[in-house]
Amino acid sequence: MAASSYFILVSFVAFVISQATASDPSPLQDFCVADKHSPVKVNGFVCKDPMAVNADDFFKAAKLDQPRDTMKSKVGSNVTLINVMQLPGLNTLGISMARIDYAPLGQNPPHTHPRATEILTVLEGTLYVGFVTSNTDNGNKLFTKVLNKGDVFVFPQGLIHFQFNPVHDKPAVAIAALSSQNPGAITIANAVFGSKPPISDDVLAKAFQVQKGTIDWLQAQFWENNHN
């Protein structure tokens, strides 16, 4: 095989491997309980000594059957996330979950999960949900649906999505499963207008085609995190 052809083949294989391992890696043993106290830094967490693992490493009394407080939230929602930080046994298993409580007219505002696809199931109430595609020559397409109790909807990994309770007198509850032990969340408004230090108002005024005073007002607001 010519050297140039060999180099192209090796480069192609390396590219394919990199794409195949772009999300959470598959486990190479039965479990790898996270040792969050280890000084060793890796992509994820070092495995706890298997001999020291017990059932509590795979258990959390999360009380997900109990309603969460949404009254203190400016957006009217409360996200209770169960990821590897709360449940060490999730390490390397590529999955996490969340309970989401919505006040009447409350929302889980536009956000993304950079490391996970999300599948949402409505347990109580009604939700108006949607996601927006990435940039295309035809713009960004919005996909929306009204969900009722028992309905399921999928949000593809990395895409901006939201949920809104359109009912003015009844709360809603949903359970979400996510395809990463640590999916991450980027709430769009918080990231753009609430970053520390702030993004230059010259940059944002140009990007949003508004006056700098509007940007300054938005950056002066309190951008809360509805994830617990």
C-alpha atoms as a PDB file:
ATOM      1  CA  MET A   1       0.000   0.000   0.000  1.00  0.00           C
ATOM      2  CA  ALA A   2       1.383   3.419  -0.966  1.00  0.00           C
ATOM      3  CA  ALA A   3       2.340   5.689   1.910  1.00  0.00           C
ATOM      4  CA  SER A   4      -0.204   8.316   0.900  1.00  0.00           C
ATOM      5  CA  SER A   5      -3.031   5.739   0.737  1.00  0.00           C
ATOM      6  CA  TYR A   6      -2.012   4.324   4.111  1.00  0.00           C
ATOM      7  CA  PHE A   7      -2.074   7.801   5.647  1.00  0.00           C
ATOM      8  CA  ILE A   8      -5.550   8.472   4.249  1.00  0.00           C
ATOM      9  CA  LEU A   9      -6.823   5.119   5.594  1.00  0.00           C
ATOM     10  CA  VAL A  10      -5.376   5.736   9.050  1.00  0.00           C
ATOM     11  CA  SER A  11      -6.844   9.250   9.104  1.00  0.00           C
ATOM     12  CA  PHE A  12     -10.259   7.921   8.093  1.00  0.00           C
ATOM     13  CA  VAL A  13     -10.208   5.209  10.773  1.00  0.00           C
ATOM     14  CA  ALA A  14      -9.158   7.757  13.398  1.00  0.00           C
ATOM     15  CA  PHE A  15     -12.001  10.038  12.343  1.00  0.00           C
ATOM     16  CA  VAL A  16     -14.571   7.231  12.549  1.00  0.00           C
ATOM     17  CA  ILE A  17     -13.304   6.180  15.981  1.00  0.00           C
ATOM     18  CA  SER A  18     -13.448   9.758  17.235  1.00  0.00           C
ATOM     19  CA  GLN A  19     -17.053  10.070  16.088  1.00  0.00           C
ATOM     20  CA  ALA A  20     -17.986   6.713  17.612  1.00  0.00           C
ATOM     21  CA  THR A  21     -16.678   7.793  21.021  1.00  0.00           C
ATOM     22  CA  ALA A  22     -18.000  11.355  20.910  1.00  0.00           C
ATOM     23  CA  SER A  23     -20.691  10.622  23.523  1.00  0.00           C
ATOM     24  CA  ASP A  24     -20.425   8.743  26.820  1.00  0.00           C
ATOM     25  CA  PRO A  25     -18.066   5.767  26.346  1.00  0.00           C
ATOM     26  CA  SER A  26     -19.419   2.250  26.775  1.00  0.00           C
ATOM     27  CA  PRO A  27     -18.458   0.527  30.041  1.00  0.00           C
ATOM     28  CA  LEU A  28     -15.759  -2.147  29.940  1.00  0.00           C
ATOM     29  CA  GLN A  29     -16.887  -3.802  33.181  1.00  0.00           C
ATOM     30  CA  ASP A  30     -20.143  -4.411  35.038  1.00  0.00           C
ATOM     31  CA  PHE A  31     -19.959  -1.028  36.757  1.00  0.00           C
ATOM     32  CA  CYS A  32     -17.594   1.813  37.555  1.00  0.00           C
ATOM     33  CA  VAL A  33     -18.996   3.629  40.569  1.00  0.00           C
ATOM     34  CA  ALA A  34     -17.698   7.195  40.604  1.00  0.00           C
ATOM     35  CA  ASP A  35     -14.986   7.957  43.141  1.00  0.00           C
ATOM     36  CA  LYS A  36     -15.651  11.682  43.489  1.00  0.00           C
ATOM     37  CA  HIS A  37     -12.899  12.056  46.080  1.00  0.00           C
ATOM     38  CA  SER A  38     -10.093  10.769  43.875  1.00  0.00           C
ATOM     39  CA  PRO A  39      -7.413  13.378  43.018  1.00  0.00           C
ATOM     40  CA  VAL A  40      -7.032  11.776  39.572  1.00  0.00           C
ATOM     41  CA  LYS A  41      -8.715  13.803  36.823  1.00  0.00           C
ATOM     42  CA  VAL A  42     -10.231  11.905  33.907  1.00  0.00           C
ATOM     43  CA  ASN A  43     -13.087  12.385  31.428  1.00  0.00           C
ATOM     44  CA  GLY A  44     -15.803  11.433  33.896  1.00  0.00           C
ATOM     45  CA  PHE A  45     -14.799   9.876  37.212  1.00  0.00           C
ATOM     46  CA  VAL A  46     -12.270   7.312  38.378  1.00  0.00           C
ATOM     47  CA  CYS A  47     -13.766   3.972  39.428  1.00  0.00           C
ATOM     48  CA  LYS A  48     -14.257   3.306  43.095  1.00  0.00           C
ATOM     49  CA  ASP A  49     -12.575   0.121  44.356  1.00  0.00           C
ATOM     50  CA  PRO A  50     -15.095  -2.637  43.438  1.00  0.00           C
ATOM     51  CA  MET A  51     -14.533  -4.270  46.820  1.00  0.00           C
ATOM     52  CA  ALA A  52     -15.758  -1.070  48.510  1.00  0.00           C
ATOM     53  CA  VAL A  53     -18.895  -0.766  46.350  1.00  0.00           C
ATOM     54  CA  ASN A  54     -22.268  -1.427  47.992  1.00  0.00           C
ATOM     55  CA  ALA A  55     -25.946  -1.124  47.090  1.00  0.00           C
ATOM     56  CA  ASP A  56     -26.122   2.470  48.311  1.00  0.00           C
ATOM     57  CA  ASP A  57     -23.837   3.501  45.447  1.00  0.00           C
ATOM     58  CA  PHE A  58     -26.709   2.651  43.075  1.00  0.00           C
ATOM     59  CA  PHE A  59     -29.485   4.123  45.232  1.00  0.00           C
ATOM     60  CA  LYS A  60     -30.857   7.556  46.066  1.00  0.00           C
ATOM     61  CA  ALA A  61     -33.948   8.369  48.109  1.00  0.00           C
ATOM     62  CA  ALA A  62     -34.821  11.096  45.613  1.00  0.00           C
ATOM     63  CA  LYS A  63     -38.516  11.412  46.559  1.00  0.00           C
ATOM     64  CA  LEU A  64     -39.389  11.983  42.914  1.00  0.00           C
ATOM     65  CA  ASP A  65     -43.000  11.168  43.751  1.00  0.00           C
ATOM     66  CA  GLN A  66     -43.296  14.445  45.677  1.00  0.00           C
ATOM     67  CA  PRO A  67     -44.161  17.804  44.053  1.00  0.00           C
ATOM     68  CA  ARG A  68     -41.421  20.429  43.928  1.00  0.00           C
ATOM     69  CA  ASP A  69     -41.792  24.112  44.748  1.00  0.00           C
ATOM     70  CA  THR A  70     -42.233  26.219  41.599  1.00  0.00           C
ATOM     71  CA  MET A  71     -43.451  29.413  43.281  1.00  0.00           C
ATOM     72  CA  LYS A  72     -39.948  30.774  43.907  1.00  0.00           C
ATOM     73  CA  SER A  73     -38.912  30.342  40.267  1.00  0.00           C
ATOM     74  CA  LYS A  74     -39.150  33.367  37.965  1.00  0.00           C
ATOM     75  CA  VAL A  75     -39.817  31.016  35.038  1.00  0.00           C
ATOM     76  CA  GLY A  76     -42.265  28.834  36.962  1.00  0.00           C
ATOM     77  CA  SER A  77     -40.459  25.497  36.897  1.00  0.00           C
ATOM     78  CA  ASN A  78     -38.266  23.285  39.022  1.00  0.00           C
ATOM     79  CA  VAL A  79     -35.931  20.678  37.517  1.00  0.00           C
ATOM     80  CA  THR A  80     -34.755  17.907  39.853  1.00  0.00           C
ATOM     81  CA  LEU A  81     -31.823  16.263  38.092  1.00  0.00           C
ATOM     82  CA  ILE A  82     -30.460  12.836  38.996  1.00  0.00           C
ATOM     83  CA  ASN A  83     -27.059  12.495  37.347  1.00  0.00           C
ATOM     84  CA  VAL A  84     -23.709  11.030  38.317  1.00  0.00           C
ATOM     85  CA  MET A  85     -23.151  13.822  40.829  1.00  0.00           C
ATOM     86  CA  GLN A  86     -26.151  12.613  42.850  1.00  0.00           C
ATOM     87  CA  LEU A  87     -25.916   8.891  42.026  1.00  0.00           C
ATOM     88  CA  PRO A  88     -22.306   7.638  41.698  1.00  0.00           C
ATOM     89  CA  GLY A  89     -23.418   4.301  40.243  1.00  0.00           C
ATOM     90  CA  LEU A  90     -24.362   6.086  36.999  1.00  0.00           C
ATOM     91  CA  ASN A  91     -20.703   6.591  36.115  1.00  0.00           C
ATOM     92  CA  THR A  92     -19.969   5.168  32.606  1.00  0.00           C
ATOM     93  CA  LEU A  93     -23.584   4.007  32.163  1.00  0.00           C
ATOM     94  CA  GLY A  94     -24.554   6.854  29.831  1.00  0.00           C
ATOM     95  CA  ILE A  95     -27.912   7.704  31.379  1.00  0.00           C
ATOM     96  CA  SER A  96     -29.528  10.164  33.789  1.00  0.00           C
ATOM     97  CA  MET A  97     -33.006  11.483  34.525  1.00  0.00           C
ATOM     98  CA  ALA A  98     -34.955  14.445  35.835  1.00  0.00           C
ATOM     99  CA  ARG A  99     -38.331  15.300  37.299  1.00  0.00           C
ATOM    100  CA  ILE A 100     -39.669  18.622  36.011  1.00  0.00           C
ATOM    101  CA  ASP A 101     -42.464  20.495  37.794  1.00  0.00           C
ATOM    102  CA  TYR A 102     -44.248  23.330  35.982  1.00  0.00           C
ATOM    103  CA  ALA A 103     -46.423  25.968  37.628  1.00  0.00           C
ATOM    104  CA  PRO A 104     -49.524  27.110  35.747  1.00  0.00           C
ATOM    105  CA  LEU A 105     -48.132  29.072  32.764  1.00  0.00           C
ATOM    106  CA  GLY A 106     -44.641  28.016  33.873  1.00  0.00           C
ATOM    107  CA  GLN A 107     -41.892  26.954  31.509  1.00  0.00           C
ATOM    108  CA  ASN A 108     -38.557  25.223  31.246  1.00  0.00           C
ATOM    109  CA  PRO A 109     -37.039  27.974  29.081  1.00  0.00           C
ATOM    110  CA  PRO A 110     -35.101  27.411  25.837  1.00  0.00           C
ATOM    111  CA  HIS A 111     -31.950  25.445  26.605  1.00  0.00           C
ATOM    112  CA  THR A 112     -29.685  22.725  25.241  1.00  0.00           C
ATOM    113  CA  HIS A 113     -28.039  19.576  26.566  1.00  0.00           C
ATOM    114  CA  PRO A 114     -24.617  19.492  24.885  1.00  0.00           C
ATOM    115  CA  ARG A 115     -23.991  15.840  25.755  1.00  0.00           C
ATOM    116  CA  ALA A 116     -27.406  14.150  25.619  1.00  0.00           C
ATOM    117  CA  THR A 117     -30.587  13.374  23.757  1.00  0.00           C
ATOM    118  CA  GLU A 118     -33.670  13.789  25.956  1.00  0.00           C
ATOM    119  CA  ILE A 119     -36.921  11.828  25.954  1.00  0.00           C
ATOM    120  CA  LEU A 120     -39.741  13.463  27.921  1.00  0.00           C
ATOM    121  CA  THR A 121     -42.880  11.813  29.326  1.00  0.00           C
ATOM    122  CA  VAL A 122     -45.779  13.888  30.667  1.00  0.00           C
ATOM    123  CA  LEU A 123     -47.072  12.507  33.976  1.00  0.00           C
ATOM    124  CA  GLU A 124     -49.680  15.163  34.734  1.00  0.00           C
ATOM    125  CA  GLY A 125     -51.127  18.133  32.876  1.00  0.00           C
ATOM    126  CA  THR A 126     -50.448  19.567  29.444  1.00  0.00           C
ATOM    127  CA  LEU A 127     -47.218  20.845  27.891  1.00  0.00           C
ATOM    128  CA  TYR A 128     -46.447  22.774  24.723  1.00  0.00           C
ATOM    129  CA  VAL A 129     -42.953  21.597  23.722  1.00  0.00           C
ATOM    130  CA  GLY A 130     -40.575  22.121  20.838  1.00  0.00           C
ATOM    131  CA  PHE A 131     -37.063  22.219  19.480  1.00  0.00           C
ATOM    132  CA  VAL A 132     -35.236  24.226  16.822  1.00  0.00           C
ATOM    133  CA  THR A 133     -32.887  22.747  14.231  1.00  0.00           C
ATOM    134  CA  SER A 134     -29.323  23.888  13.692  1.00  0.00           C
ATOM    135  CA  ASN A 135     -28.545  26.490  11.006  1.00  0.00           C
ATOM    136  CA  THR A 136     -29.471  25.582   7.417  1.00  0.00           C
ATOM    137  CA  ASP A 137     -29.792  27.445   4.115  1.00  0.00           C
ATOM    138  CA  ASN A 138     -33.523  27.641   4.857  1.00  0.00           C
ATOM    139  CA  GLY A 139     -33.087  28.944   8.377  1.00  0.00           C
ATOM    140  CA  ASN A 140     -33.859  27.189  11.655  1.00  0.00           C
ATOM    141  CA  LYS A 141     -36.974  25.011  11.609  1.00  0.00           C
ATOM    142  CA  LEU A 142     -39.182  24.799  14.688  1.00  0.00           C
ATOM    143  CA  PHE A 143     -40.873  21.494  15.600  1.00  0.00           C
ATOM    144  CA  THR A 144     -43.641  21.781  18.216  1.00  0.00           C
ATOM    145  CA  LYS A 145     -46.299  19.594  19.775  1.00  0.00           C
ATOM    146  CA  VAL A 146     -48.919  19.822  22.521  1.00  0.00           C
ATOM    147  CA  LEU A 147     -48.461  16.897  24.922  1.00  0.00           C
ATOM    148  CA  ASN A 148     -50.988  15.465  27.339  1.00  0.00           C
ATOM    149  CA  LYS A 149     -50.670  12.938  30.163  1.00  0.00           C
ATOM    150  CA  GLY A 150     -48.852   9.819  28.948  1.00  0.00           C
ATOM    151  CA  ASP A 151     -47.426  11.439  25.794  1.00  0.00           C
ATOM    152  CA  VAL A 152     -43.734  11.203  24.895  1.00  0.00           C
ATOM    153  CA  PHE A 153     -41.488  13.576  22.920  1.00  0.00           C
ATOM    154  CA  VAL A 154     -37.802  13.420  21.960  1.00  0.00           C
ATOM    155  CA  PHE A 155     -35.363  16.343  21.871  1.00  0.00           C
ATOM    156  CA  PRO A 156     -32.243  15.556  19.775  1.00  0.00           C
ATOM    157  CA  GLN A 157     -28.857  16.072  21.372  1.00  0.00           C
ATOM    158  CA  GLY A 158     -27.528  19.612  21.428  1.00  0.00           C
ATOM    159  CA  LEU A 159     -30.604  21.302  19.910  1.00  0.00           C
ATOM    160  CA  ILE A 160     -32.371  24.217  21.593  1.00  0.00           C
ATOM    161  CA  HIS A 161     -35.652  23.050  23.127  1.00  0.00           C
ATOM    162  CA  PHE A 162     -38.279  24.114  25.658  1.00  0.00           C
ATOM    163  CA  GLN A 163     -41.424  23.084  27.523  1.00  0.00           C
ATOM    164  CA  PHE A 164     -44.314  25.382  28.490  1.00  0.00           C
ATOM    165  CA  ASN A 165     -47.436  24.736  30.558  1.00  0.00           C
ATOM    166  CA  PRO A 166     -50.179  26.626  28.666  1.00  0.00           C
ATOM    167  CA  VAL A 167     -52.833  26.001  31.340  1.00  0.00           C
ATOM    168  CA  HIS A 168     -53.462  28.956  33.662  1.00  0.00           C
ATOM    169  CA  ASP A 169     -54.914  27.030  36.607  1.00  0.00           C
ATOM    170  CA  LYS A 170     -53.234  23.596  36.672  1.00  0.00           C
ATOM    171  CA  PRO A 171     -49.609  22.540  37.193  1.00  0.00           C
ATOM    172  CA  ALA A 172     -47.842  19.929  35.067  1.00  0.00           C
ATOM    173  CA  VAL A 173     -45.229  17.264  35.786  1.00  0.00           C
ATOM    174  CA  ALA A 174     -42.875  15.402  33.462  1.00  0.00           C
ATOM    175  CA  ILE A 175     -40.061  12.880  33.718  1.00  0.00           C
ATOM    176  CA  ALA A 176     -37.092  13.142  31.365  1.00  0.00           C
ATOM    177  CA  ALA A 177     -34.474  10.505  30.551  1.00  0.00           C
ATOM    178  CA  LEU A 178     -31.146  11.679  29.111  1.00  0.00           C
ATOM    179  CA  SER A 179     -28.472   9.742  27.264  1.00  0.00           C
ATOM    180  CA  SER A 180     -25.515  10.864  29.382  1.00  0.00           C
ATOM    181  CA  GLN A 181     -24.427  10.462  32.971  1.00  0.00           C
ATOM    182  CA  ASN A 182     -23.798  14.235  32.929  1.00  0.00           C
ATOM    183  CA  PRO A 183     -25.857  15.813  30.114  1.00  0.00           C
ATOM    184  CA  GLY A 184     -25.131  19.435  30.992  1.00  0.00           C
ATOM    185  CA  ALA A 185     -27.598  22.262  30.445  1.00  0.00           C
ATOM    186  CA  ILE A 186     -27.122  25.624  28.757  1.00  0.00           C
ATOM    187  CA  THR A 187     -30.084  27.928  29.317  1.00  0.00           C
ATOM    188  CA  ILE A 188     -29.914  30.310  26.376  1.00  0.00           C
ATOM    189  CA  ALA A 189     -30.993  33.547  28.076  1.00  0.00           C
ATOM    190  CA  ASN A 190     -28.793  32.877  31.122  1.00  0.00           C
ATOM    191  CA  ALA A 191     -25.738  32.090  29.012  1.00  0.00           C
ATOM    192  CA  VAL A 192     -26.129  35.067  26.677  1.00  0.00           C
ATOM    193  CA  PHE A 193     -27.238  37.763  29.121  1.00  0.00           C
ATOM    194  CA  GLY A 194     -26.085  36.414  32.479  1.00  0.00           C
ATOM    195  CA  SER A 195     -22.526  35.223  31.793  1.00  0.00           C
ATOM    196  CA  LYS A 196     -19.720  36.240  34.166  1.00  0.00           C
ATOM    197  CA  PRO A 197     -17.980  38.342  33.062  1.00  0.00           C
ATOM    198  CA  PRO A 198     -20.688  39.684  30.740  1.00  0.00           C
ATOM    199  CA  ILE A 199     -20.449  39.490  26.972  1.00  0.00           C
ATOM    200  CA  SER A 200     -19.761  42.934  25.512  1.00  0.00           C
ATOM    201  CA  ASP A 201     -22.977  44.865  24.905  1.00  0.00           C
ATOM    202  CA  ASP A 202     -21.480  45.961  21.573  1.00  0.00           C
ATOM    203  CA  VAL A 203     -21.348  42.314  20.515  1.00  0.00           C
ATOM    204  CA  LEU A 204     -24.881  41.499  21.701  1.00  0.00           C
ATOM    205  CA  ALA A 205     -26.433  44.706  20.341  1.00  0.00           C
ATOM    206  CA  LYS A 206     -25.038  43.869  16.911  1.00  0.00           C
ATOM    207  CA  ALA A 207     -26.051  40.208  17.163  1.00  0.00           C
ATOM    208  CA  PHE A 208     -29.644  40.930  18.225  1.00  0.00           C
ATOM    209  CA  GLN A 209     -29.977  44.133  16.167  1.00  0.00           C
ATOM    210  CA  VAL A 210     -31.158  46.223  19.131  1.00  0.00           C
ATOM    211  CA  GLN A 211     -29.917  49.258  21.016  1.00  0.00           C
ATOM    212  CA  LYS A 212     -27.153  48.811  23.590  1.00  0.00           C
ATOM    213  CA  GLY A 213     -29.513  50.116  26.272  1.00  0.00           C
ATOM    214  CA  THR A 214     -31.764  47.109  25.709  1.00  0.00           C
ATOM    215  CA  ILE A 215     -28.812  44.767  26.168  1.00  0.00           C
ATOM    216  CA  ASP A 216     -27.686  46.610  29.292  1.00  0.00           C
ATOM    217  CA  TRP A 217     -31.202  46.226  30.753  1.00  0.00           C
ATOM    218  CA  LEU A 218     -31.274  42.503  29.974  1.00  0.00           C
ATOM    219  CA  GLN A 219     -27.826  41.957  31.484  1.00  0.00           C
ATOM    220  CA  ALA A 220     -28.945  43.742  34.665  1.00  0.00           C
ATOM    221  CA  GLN A 221     -31.699  41.178  35.278  1.00  0.00           C
ATOM    222  CA  PHE A 222     -31.294  38.224  37.635  1.00  0.00           C
ATOM    223  CA  TRP A 223     -30.913  35.088  35.511  1.00  0.00           C
ATOM    224  CA  GLU A 224     -31.752  32.197  37.795  1.00  0.00           C
ATOM    225  CA  ASN A 225     -30.975  28.519  37.386  1.00  0.00           C
ATOM    226  CA  ASN A 226     -34.117  26.368  37.686  1.00  0.00           C
ATOM    227  CA  HIS A 227     -32.074  23.145  37.956  1.00  0.00           C
ATOM    228  CA  ASN A 228     -31.618  21.569  41.410  1.00  0.00           C
END
